[in-house]
Amino acid sequence: MGVAAFLLGNICVGLYRIVLGPTHLDRMLAAQLLGTTGIAVALVLAEATGEGGGRDVALTLAVLAALAAVFFVRRFRYPGGEDRT
């Protein structure tokens, strides 16, 4: 449980960076940190409590974090979201 508490503190630091990040890139990297740390928290708590549902939550968070990164790159690579291929 101590590891989970440390990871939750890490999430708080990431939230601080999202709010005060000077650039969009800083905010996106902090959001990726939150996604990765959220996955770690779900896995640690699933192992600590013996619940299998935490693994499902971690898998869902992993997919959402990957999709968020793809959408961010598309948004800032092609302003307005249109595809220029």
PDB file of N, CA and C in Angstrom:
ATOM      1  N   MET A   1       0.822  -1.194   0.000  1.00  0.00           N
ATOM      2  CA  MET A   1       0.000   0.000   0.000  1.00  0.00           C
ATOM      3  C   MET A   1       0.867   1.259   0.000  1.00  0.00           C
ATOM      4  N   GLY A   2       2.073   1.150   0.514  1.00  0.00           N
ATOM      5  CA  GLY A   2       2.984   2.298   0.499  1.00  0.00           C
ATOM      6  C   GLY A   2       3.368   2.697  -0.917  1.00  0.00           C
ATOM      7  N   VAL A   3       3.546   1.704  -1.786  1.00  0.00           N
ATOM      8  CA  VAL A   3       3.870   1.982  -3.188  1.00  0.00           C
ATOM      9  C   VAL A   3       2.701   2.702  -3.855  1.00  0.00           C
ATOM     10  N   ALA A   4       1.486   2.270  -3.575  1.00  0.00           N
ATOM     11  CA  ALA A   4       0.308   2.925  -4.145  1.00  0.00           C
ATOM     12  C   ALA A   4       0.211   4.373  -3.667  1.00  0.00           C
ATOM     13  N   ALA A   5       0.522   4.633  -2.410  1.00  0.00           N
ATOM     14  CA  ALA A   5       0.493   6.001  -1.893  1.00  0.00           C
ATOM     15  C   ALA A   5       1.549   6.867  -2.576  1.00  0.00           C
ATOM     16  N   PHE A   6       2.735   6.315  -2.797  1.00  0.00           N
ATOM     17  CA  PHE A   6       3.787   7.048  -3.506  1.00  0.00           C
ATOM     18  C   PHE A   6       3.348   7.376  -4.930  1.00  0.00           C
ATOM     19  N   LEU A   7       2.740   6.415  -5.603  1.00  0.00           N
ATOM     20  CA  LEU A   7       2.282   6.644  -6.970  1.00  0.00           C
ATOM     21  C   LEU A   7       1.162   7.685  -7.018  1.00  0.00           C
ATOM     22  N   LEU A   8       0.295   7.687  -6.033  1.00  0.00           N
ATOM     23  CA  LEU A   8      -0.757   8.713  -5.974  1.00  0.00           C
ATOM     24  C   LEU A   8      -0.161  10.104  -5.756  1.00  0.00           C
ATOM     25  N   GLY A   9       0.911  10.184  -4.990  1.00  0.00           N
ATOM     26  CA  GLY A   9       1.621  11.456  -4.854  1.00  0.00           C
ATOM     27  C   GLY A   9       2.218  11.903  -6.180  1.00  0.00           C
ATOM     28  N   ASN A  10       2.701  10.943  -6.950  1.00  0.00           N
ATOM     29  CA  ASN A  10       3.238  11.229  -8.278  1.00  0.00           C
ATOM     30  C   ASN A  10       2.142  11.775  -9.195  1.00  0.00           C
ATOM     31  N   ILE A  11       0.945  11.248  -9.068  1.00  0.00           N
ATOM     32  CA  ILE A  11      -0.187  11.752  -9.860  1.00  0.00           C
ATOM     33  C   ILE A  11      -0.486  13.202  -9.488  1.00  0.00           C
ATOM     34  N   CYS A  12      -0.398  13.540  -8.208  1.00  0.00           N
ATOM     35  CA  CYS A  12      -0.632  14.931  -7.779  1.00  0.00           C
ATOM     36  C   CYS A  12       0.390  15.882  -8.401  1.00  0.00           C
ATOM     37  N   VAL A  13       1.639  15.449  -8.475  1.00  0.00           N
ATOM     38  CA  VAL A  13       2.668  16.279  -9.110  1.00  0.00           C
ATOM     39  C   VAL A  13       2.360  16.437 -10.600  1.00  0.00           C
ATOM     40  N   GLY A  14       1.884  15.371 -11.249  1.00  0.00           N
ATOM     41  CA  GLY A  14       1.512  15.447 -12.660  1.00  0.00           C
ATOM     42  C   GLY A  14       0.351  16.400 -12.894  1.00  0.00           C
ATOM     43  N   LEU A  15      -0.624  16.389 -11.999  1.00  0.00           N
ATOM     44  CA  LEU A  15      -1.746  17.332 -12.110  1.00  0.00           C
ATOM     45  C   LEU A  15      -1.274  18.776 -11.997  1.00  0.00           C
ATOM     46  N   TYR A  16      -0.316  19.004 -11.134  1.00  0.00           N
ATOM     47  CA  TYR A  16       0.269  20.342 -10.995  1.00  0.00           C
ATOM     48  C   TYR A  16       0.901  20.775 -12.313  1.00  0.00           C
ATOM     49  N   ARG A  17       1.606  19.870 -12.987  1.00  0.00           N
ATOM     50  CA  ARG A  17       2.252  20.199 -14.259  1.00  0.00           C
ATOM     51  C   ARG A  17       1.219  20.429 -15.360  1.00  0.00           C
ATOM     52  N   ILE A  18       0.124  19.704 -15.321  1.00  0.00           N
ATOM     53  CA  ILE A  18      -0.923  19.916 -16.335  1.00  0.00           C
ATOM     54  C   ILE A  18      -1.522  21.317 -16.194  1.00  0.00           C
ATOM     55  N   VAL A  19      -1.744  21.742 -14.967  1.00  0.00           N
ATOM     56  CA  VAL A  19      -2.347  23.050 -14.742  1.00  0.00           C
ATOM     57  C   VAL A  19      -1.371  24.175 -15.105  1.00  0.00           C
ATOM     58  N   LEU A  20      -0.105  24.038 -14.743  1.00  0.00           N
ATOM     59  CA  LEU A  20       0.854  25.122 -14.918  1.00  0.00           C
ATOM     60  C   LEU A  20       1.833  24.912 -16.069  1.00  0.00           C
ATOM     61  N   GLY A  21       1.669  23.846 -16.854  1.00  0.00           N
ATOM     62  CA  GLY A  21       2.610  23.569 -17.944  1.00  0.00           C
ATOM     63  C   GLY A  21       2.710  24.731 -18.909  1.00  0.00           C
ATOM     64  N   PRO A  22       3.925  25.166 -19.236  1.00  0.00           N
ATOM     65  CA  PRO A  22       4.040  26.326 -20.118  1.00  0.00           C
ATOM     66  C   PRO A  22       3.644  26.039 -21.572  1.00  0.00           C
ATOM     67  N   THR A  23       3.741  24.794 -22.014  1.00  0.00           N
ATOM     68  CA  THR A  23       3.404  24.481 -23.408  1.00  0.00           C
ATOM     69  C   THR A  23       2.428  23.309 -23.455  1.00  0.00           C
ATOM     70  N   HIS A  24       1.835  23.120 -24.628  1.00  0.00           N
ATOM     71  CA  HIS A  24       0.933  21.984 -24.825  1.00  0.00           C
ATOM     72  C   HIS A  24       1.688  20.665 -24.685  1.00  0.00           C
ATOM     73  N   LEU A  25       2.935  20.642 -25.131  1.00  0.00           N
ATOM     74  CA  LEU A  25       3.726  19.420 -25.033  1.00  0.00           C
ATOM     75  C   LEU A  25       3.952  19.025 -23.577  1.00  0.00           C
ATOM     76  N   ASP A  26       4.254  20.005 -22.717  1.00  0.00           N
ATOM     77  CA  ASP A  26       4.421  19.709 -21.288  1.00  0.00           C
ATOM     78  C   ASP A  26       3.145  19.123 -20.696  1.00  0.00           C
ATOM     79  N   ARG A  27       2.025  19.682 -21.085  1.00  0.00           N
ATOM     80  CA  ARG A  27       0.748  19.189 -20.562  1.00  0.00           C
ATOM     81  C   ARG A  27       0.463  17.776 -21.054  1.00  0.00           C
ATOM     82  N   MET A  28       0.777  17.494 -22.318  1.00  0.00           N
ATOM     83  CA  MET A  28       0.518  16.157 -22.847  1.00  0.00           C
ATOM     84  C   MET A  28       1.430  15.121 -22.198  1.00  0.00           C
ATOM     85  N   LEU A  29       2.693  15.472 -22.005  1.00  0.00           N
ATOM     86  CA  LEU A  29       3.598  14.540 -21.335  1.00  0.00           C
ATOM     87  C   LEU A  29       3.155  14.277 -19.905  1.00  0.00           C
ATOM     88  N   ALA A  30       2.657  15.300 -19.224  1.00  0.00           N
ATOM     89  CA  ALA A  30       2.139  15.103 -17.870  1.00  0.00           C
ATOM     90  C   ALA A  30       0.900  14.219 -17.893  1.00  0.00           C
ATOM     91  N   ALA A  31       0.063  14.376 -18.911  1.00  0.00           N
ATOM     92  CA  ALA A  31      -1.116  13.512 -19.029  1.00  0.00           C
ATOM     93  C   ALA A  31      -0.692  12.068 -19.280  1.00  0.00           C
ATOM     94  N   GLN A  32       0.350  11.861 -20.077  1.00  0.00           N
ATOM     95  CA  GLN A  32       0.867  10.506 -20.290  1.00  0.00           C
ATOM     96  C   GLN A  32       1.414   9.933 -18.982  1.00  0.00           C
ATOM     97  N   LEU A  33       2.071  10.783 -18.184  1.00  0.00           N
ATOM     98  CA  LEU A  33       2.553  10.352 -16.870  1.00  0.00           C
ATOM     99  C   LEU A  33       1.389   9.911 -15.996  1.00  0.00           C
ATOM    100  N   LEU A  34       0.299  10.672 -16.029  1.00  0.00           N
ATOM    101  CA  LEU A  34      -0.877  10.296 -15.236  1.00  0.00           C
ATOM    102  C   LEU A  34      -1.442   8.959 -15.701  1.00  0.00           C
ATOM    103  N   GLY A  35      -1.498   8.755 -17.007  1.00  0.00           N
ATOM    104  CA  GLY A  35      -2.016   7.489 -17.521  1.00  0.00           C
ATOM    105  C   GLY A  35      -1.156   6.313 -17.103  1.00  0.00           C
ATOM    106  N   THR A  36       0.152   6.471 -17.243  1.00  0.00           N
ATOM    107  CA  THR A  36       1.071   5.395 -16.875  1.00  0.00           C
ATOM    108  C   THR A  36       1.027   5.128 -15.373  1.00  0.00           C
ATOM    109  N   THR A  37       0.986   6.183 -14.591  1.00  0.00           N
ATOM    110  CA  THR A  37       0.941   6.018 -13.139  1.00  0.00           C
ATOM    111  C   THR A  37      -0.395   5.430 -12.701  1.00  0.00           C
ATOM    112  N   GLY A  38      -1.476   5.832 -13.366  1.00  0.00           N
ATOM    113  CA  GLY A  38      -2.782   5.245 -13.055  1.00  0.00           C
ATOM    114  C   GLY A  38      -2.804   3.743 -13.324  1.00  0.00           C
ATOM    115  N   ILE A  39      -2.149   3.336 -14.398  1.00  0.00           N
ATOM    116  CA  ILE A  39      -2.040   1.912 -14.706  1.00  0.00           C
ATOM    117  C   ILE A  39      -1.271   1.198 -13.599  1.00  0.00           C
ATOM    118  N   ALA A  40      -0.164   1.813 -13.174  1.00  0.00           N
ATOM    119  CA  ALA A  40       0.643   1.197 -12.113  1.00  0.00           C
ATOM    120  C   ALA A  40      -0.142   1.098 -10.807  1.00  0.00           C
ATOM    121  N   VAL A  41      -0.889   2.134 -10.464  1.00  0.00           N
ATOM    122  CA  VAL A  41      -1.694   2.106  -9.230  1.00  0.00           C
ATOM    123  C   VAL A  41      -2.733   0.989  -9.306  1.00  0.00           C
ATOM    124  N   ALA A  42      -3.412   0.874 -10.453  1.00  0.00           N
ATOM    125  CA  ALA A  42      -4.430  -0.174 -10.601  1.00  0.00           C
ATOM    126  C   ALA A  42      -3.812  -1.557 -10.463  1.00  0.00           C
ATOM    127  N   LEU A  43      -2.644  -1.755 -11.057  1.00  0.00           N
ATOM    128  CA  LEU A  43      -1.992  -3.063 -10.962  1.00  0.00           C
ATOM    129  C   LEU A  43      -1.507  -3.363  -9.551  1.00  0.00           C
ATOM    130  N   VAL A  44      -0.924  -2.367  -8.882  1.00  0.00           N
ATOM    131  CA  VAL A  44      -0.438  -2.575  -7.513  1.00  0.00           C
ATOM    132  C   VAL A  44      -1.605  -2.888  -6.576  1.00  0.00           C
ATOM    133  N   LEU A  45      -2.691  -2.127  -6.697  1.00  0.00           N
ATOM    134  CA  LEU A  45      -3.840  -2.380  -5.827  1.00  0.00           C
ATOM    135  C   LEU A  45      -4.512  -3.714  -6.150  1.00  0.00           C
ATOM    136  N   ALA A  46      -4.521  -4.109  -7.422  1.00  0.00           N
ATOM    137  CA  ALA A  46      -5.089  -5.409  -7.790  1.00  0.00           C
ATOM    138  C   ALA A  46      -4.296  -6.540  -7.150  1.00  0.00           C
ATOM    139  N   GLU A  47      -2.982  -6.411  -7.162  1.00  0.00           N
ATOM    140  CA  GLU A  47      -2.156  -7.441  -6.527  1.00  0.00           C
ATOM    141  C   GLU A  47      -2.285  -7.424  -5.012  1.00  0.00           C
ATOM    142  N   ALA A  48      -2.373  -6.232  -4.420  1.00  0.00           N
ATOM    143  CA  ALA A  48      -2.455  -6.128  -2.958  1.00  0.00           C
ATOM    144  C   ALA A  48      -3.769  -6.673  -2.421  1.00  0.00           C
ATOM    145  N   THR A  49      -4.859  -6.473  -3.179  1.00  0.00           N
ATOM    146  CA  THR A  49      -6.164  -6.908  -2.693  1.00  0.00           C
ATOM    147  C   THR A  49      -6.587  -8.264  -3.248  1.00  0.00           C
ATOM    148  N   GLY A  50      -5.901  -8.729  -4.271  1.00  0.00           N
ATOM    149  CA  GLY A  50      -6.263 -10.016  -4.865  1.00  0.00           C
ATOM    150  C   GLY A  50      -7.452  -9.944  -5.808  1.00  0.00           C
ATOM    151  N   GLU A  51      -7.863  -8.752  -6.160  1.00  0.00           N
ATOM    152  CA  GLU A  51      -8.989  -8.558  -7.080  1.00  0.00           C
ATOM    153  C   GLU A  51      -8.493  -8.582  -8.521  1.00  0.00           C
ATOM    154  N   GLY A  52      -9.177  -9.307  -9.368  1.00  0.00           N
ATOM    155  CA  GLY A  52      -8.792  -9.375 -10.769  1.00  0.00           C
ATOM    156  C   GLY A  52      -9.291  -8.209 -11.595  1.00  0.00           C
ATOM    157  N   GLY A  53     -10.274  -7.487 -11.090  1.00  0.00           N
ATOM    158  CA  GLY A  53     -10.841  -6.365 -11.828  1.00  0.00           C
ATOM    159  C   GLY A  53      -9.855  -5.215 -12.026  1.00  0.00           C
ATOM    160  N   GLY A  54      -8.877  -5.092 -11.154  1.00  0.00           N
ATOM    161  CA  GLY A  54      -7.877  -4.039 -11.284  1.00  0.00           C
ATOM    162  C   GLY A  54      -7.056  -4.193 -12.547  1.00  0.00           C
ATOM    163  N   ARG A  55      -6.835  -5.429 -12.950  1.00  0.00           N
ATOM    164  CA  ARG A  55      -6.094  -5.665 -14.202  1.00  0.00           C
ATOM    165  C   ARG A  55      -6.908  -5.185 -15.397  1.00  0.00           C
ATOM    166  N   ASP A  56      -8.214  -5.373 -15.351  1.00  0.00           N
ATOM    167  CA  ASP A  56      -9.075  -4.890 -16.431  1.00  0.00           C
ATOM    168  C   ASP A  56      -9.066  -3.365 -16.491  1.00  0.00           C
ATOM    169  N   VAL A  57      -9.083  -2.732 -15.335  1.00  0.00           N
ATOM    170  CA  VAL A  57      -9.024  -1.272 -15.282  1.00  0.00           C
ATOM    171  C   VAL A  57      -7.691  -0.795 -15.860  1.00  0.00           C
ATOM    172  N   ALA A  58      -6.595  -1.469 -15.510  1.00  0.00           N
ATOM    173  CA  ALA A  58      -5.277  -1.088 -16.018  1.00  0.00           C
ATOM    174  C   ALA A  58      -5.212  -1.228 -17.535  1.00  0.00           C
ATOM    175  N   LEU A  59      -5.784  -2.288 -18.072  1.00  0.00           N
ATOM    176  CA  LEU A  59      -5.802  -2.475 -19.517  1.00  0.00           C
ATOM    177  C   LEU A  59      -6.603  -1.378 -20.202  1.00  0.00           C
ATOM    178  N   THR A  60      -7.736  -1.016 -19.624  1.00  0.00           N
ATOM    179  CA  THR A  60      -8.551   0.066 -20.182  1.00  0.00           C
ATOM    180  C   THR A  60      -7.799   1.392 -20.154  1.00  0.00           C
ATOM    181  N   LEU A  61      -7.124   1.675 -19.053  1.00  0.00           N
ATOM    182  CA  LEU A  61      -6.340   2.905 -18.963  1.00  0.00           C
ATOM    183  C   LEU A  61      -5.201   2.920 -19.980  1.00  0.00           C
ATOM    184  N   ALA A  62      -4.581   1.778 -20.225  1.00  0.00           N
ATOM    185  CA  ALA A  62      -3.497   1.710 -21.198  1.00  0.00           C
ATOM    186  C   ALA A  62      -3.999   2.042 -22.599  1.00  0.00           C
ATOM    187  N   VAL A  63      -5.149   1.511 -22.960  1.00  0.00           N
ATOM    188  CA  VAL A  63      -5.724   1.802 -24.283  1.00  0.00           C
ATOM    189  C   VAL A  63      -6.096   3.281 -24.388  1.00  0.00           C
ATOM    190  N   LEU A  64      -6.704   3.828 -23.350  1.00  0.00           N
ATOM    191  CA  LEU A  64      -7.080   5.238 -23.375  1.00  0.00           C
ATOM    192  C   LEU A  64      -5.868   6.160 -23.440  1.00  0.00           C
ATOM    193  N   ALA A  65      -4.796   5.813 -22.745  1.00  0.00           N
ATOM    194  CA  ALA A  65      -3.583   6.635 -22.783  1.00  0.00           C
ATOM    195  C   ALA A  65      -2.959   6.618 -24.174  1.00  0.00           C
ATOM    196  N   ALA A  66      -2.954   5.460 -24.816  1.00  0.00           N
ATOM    197  CA  ALA A  66      -2.408   5.380 -26.175  1.00  0.00           C
ATOM    198  C   ALA A  66      -3.260   6.185 -27.150  1.00  0.00           C
ATOM    199  N   LEU A  67      -4.564   6.102 -27.023  1.00  0.00           N
ATOM    200  CA  LEU A  67      -5.443   6.873 -27.899  1.00  0.00           C
ATOM    201  C   LEU A  67      -5.284   8.377 -27.677  1.00  0.00           C
ATOM    202  N   ALA A  68      -5.111   8.786 -26.444  1.00  0.00           N
ATOM    203  CA  ALA A  68      -4.927  10.205 -26.152  1.00  0.00           C
ATOM    204  C   ALA A  68      -3.652  10.724 -26.813  1.00  0.00           C
ATOM    205  N   ALA A  69      -2.592   9.938 -26.786  1.00  0.00           N
ATOM    206  CA  ALA A  69      -1.344  10.360 -27.428  1.00  0.00           C
ATOM    207  C   ALA A  69      -1.517  10.483 -28.936  1.00  0.00           C
ATOM    208  N   VAL A  70      -2.218   9.535 -29.547  1.00  0.00           N
ATOM    209  CA  VAL A  70      -2.444   9.585 -30.996  1.00  0.00           C
ATOM    210  C   VAL A  70      -3.269  10.803 -31.367  1.00  0.00           C
ATOM    211  N   PHE A  71      -4.329  11.078 -30.639  1.00  0.00           N
ATOM    212  CA  PHE A  71      -5.161  12.229 -30.935  1.00  0.00           C
ATOM    213  C   PHE A  71      -4.398  13.541 -30.737  1.00  0.00           C
ATOM    214  N   PHE A  72      -3.558  13.600 -29.718  1.00  0.00           N
ATOM    215  CA  PHE A  72      -2.765  14.800 -29.489  1.00  0.00           C
ATOM    216  C   PHE A  72      -1.814  15.057 -30.656  1.00  0.00           C
ATOM    217  N   VAL A  73      -1.133  14.027 -31.109  1.00  0.00           N
ATOM    218  CA  VAL A  73      -0.188  14.186 -32.214  1.00  0.00           C
ATOM    219  C   VAL A  73      -0.919  14.604 -33.482  1.00  0.00           C
ATOM    220  N   ARG A  74      -2.052  13.992 -33.763  1.00  0.00           N
ATOM    221  CA  ARG A  74      -2.817  14.372 -34.953  1.00  0.00           C
ATOM    222  C   ARG A  74      -3.318  15.808 -34.858  1.00  0.00           C
ATOM    223  N   ARG A  75      -3.710  16.210 -33.697  1.00  0.00           N
ATOM    224  CA  ARG A  75      -4.253  17.561 -33.518  1.00  0.00           C
ATOM    225  C   ARG A  75      -3.187  18.634 -33.749  1.00  0.00           C
ATOM    226  N   PHE A  76      -1.985  18.416 -33.238  1.00  0.00           N
ATOM    227  CA  PHE A  76      -0.960  19.443 -33.353  1.00  0.00           C
ATOM    228  C   PHE A  76      -0.065  19.269 -34.572  1.00  0.00           C
ATOM    229  N   ARG A  77      -0.126  18.134 -35.214  1.00  0.00           N
ATOM    230  CA  ARG A  77       0.596  17.971 -36.464  1.00  0.00           C
ATOM    231  C   ARG A  77      -0.196  18.607 -37.593  1.00  0.00           C
ATOM    232  N   TYR A  78      -1.503  18.444 -37.566  1.00  0.00           N
ATOM    233  CA  TYR A  78      -2.390  19.021 -38.573  1.00  0.00           C
ATOM    234  C   TYR A  78      -3.360  19.955 -37.862  1.00  0.00           C
ATOM    235  N   PRO A  79      -3.042  21.242 -37.774  1.00  0.00           N
ATOM    236  CA  PRO A  79      -3.946  22.169 -37.076  1.00  0.00           C
ATOM    237  C   PRO A  79      -5.351  22.101 -37.649  1.00  0.00           C
ATOM    238  N   GLY A  80      -6.323  22.091 -36.786  1.00  0.00           N
ATOM    239  CA  GLY A  80      -7.713  21.987 -37.201  1.00  0.00           C
ATOM    240  C   GLY A  80      -8.175  20.547 -37.275  1.00  0.00           C
ATOM    241  N   GLY A  81      -7.232  19.598 -37.148  1.00  0.00           N
ATOM    242  CA  GLY A  81      -7.590  18.183 -37.141  1.00  0.00           C
ATOM    243  C   GLY A  81      -7.749  17.549 -38.505  1.00  0.00           C
ATOM    244  N   GLU A  82      -7.616  18.345 -39.611  1.00  0.00           N
ATOM    245  CA  GLU A  82      -7.817  17.744 -40.927  1.00  0.00           C
ATOM    246  C   GLU A  82      -6.570  16.951 -41.336  1.00  0.00           C
ATOM    247  N   ASP A  83      -6.775  15.974 -42.148  1.00  0.00           N
ATOM    248  CA  ASP A  83      -5.710  15.102 -42.631  1.00  0.00           C
ATOM    249  C   ASP A  83      -5.209  15.636 -43.953  1.00  0.00           C
ATOM    250  N   ARG A  84      -3.920  15.881 -44.069  1.00  0.00           N
ATOM    251  CA  ARG A  84      -3.345  16.464 -45.284  1.00  0.00           C
ATOM    252  C   ARG A  84      -2.596  15.446 -46.117  1.00  0.00           C
ATOM    253  N   THR A  85      -3.046  14.216 -46.163  1.00  0.00           N
ATOM    254  CA  THR A  85      -2.362  13.204 -46.968  1.00  0.00           C
ATOM    255  C   THR A  85      -2.837  13.189 -48.384  1.00  0.00           C
TER     256      THR A  85
END
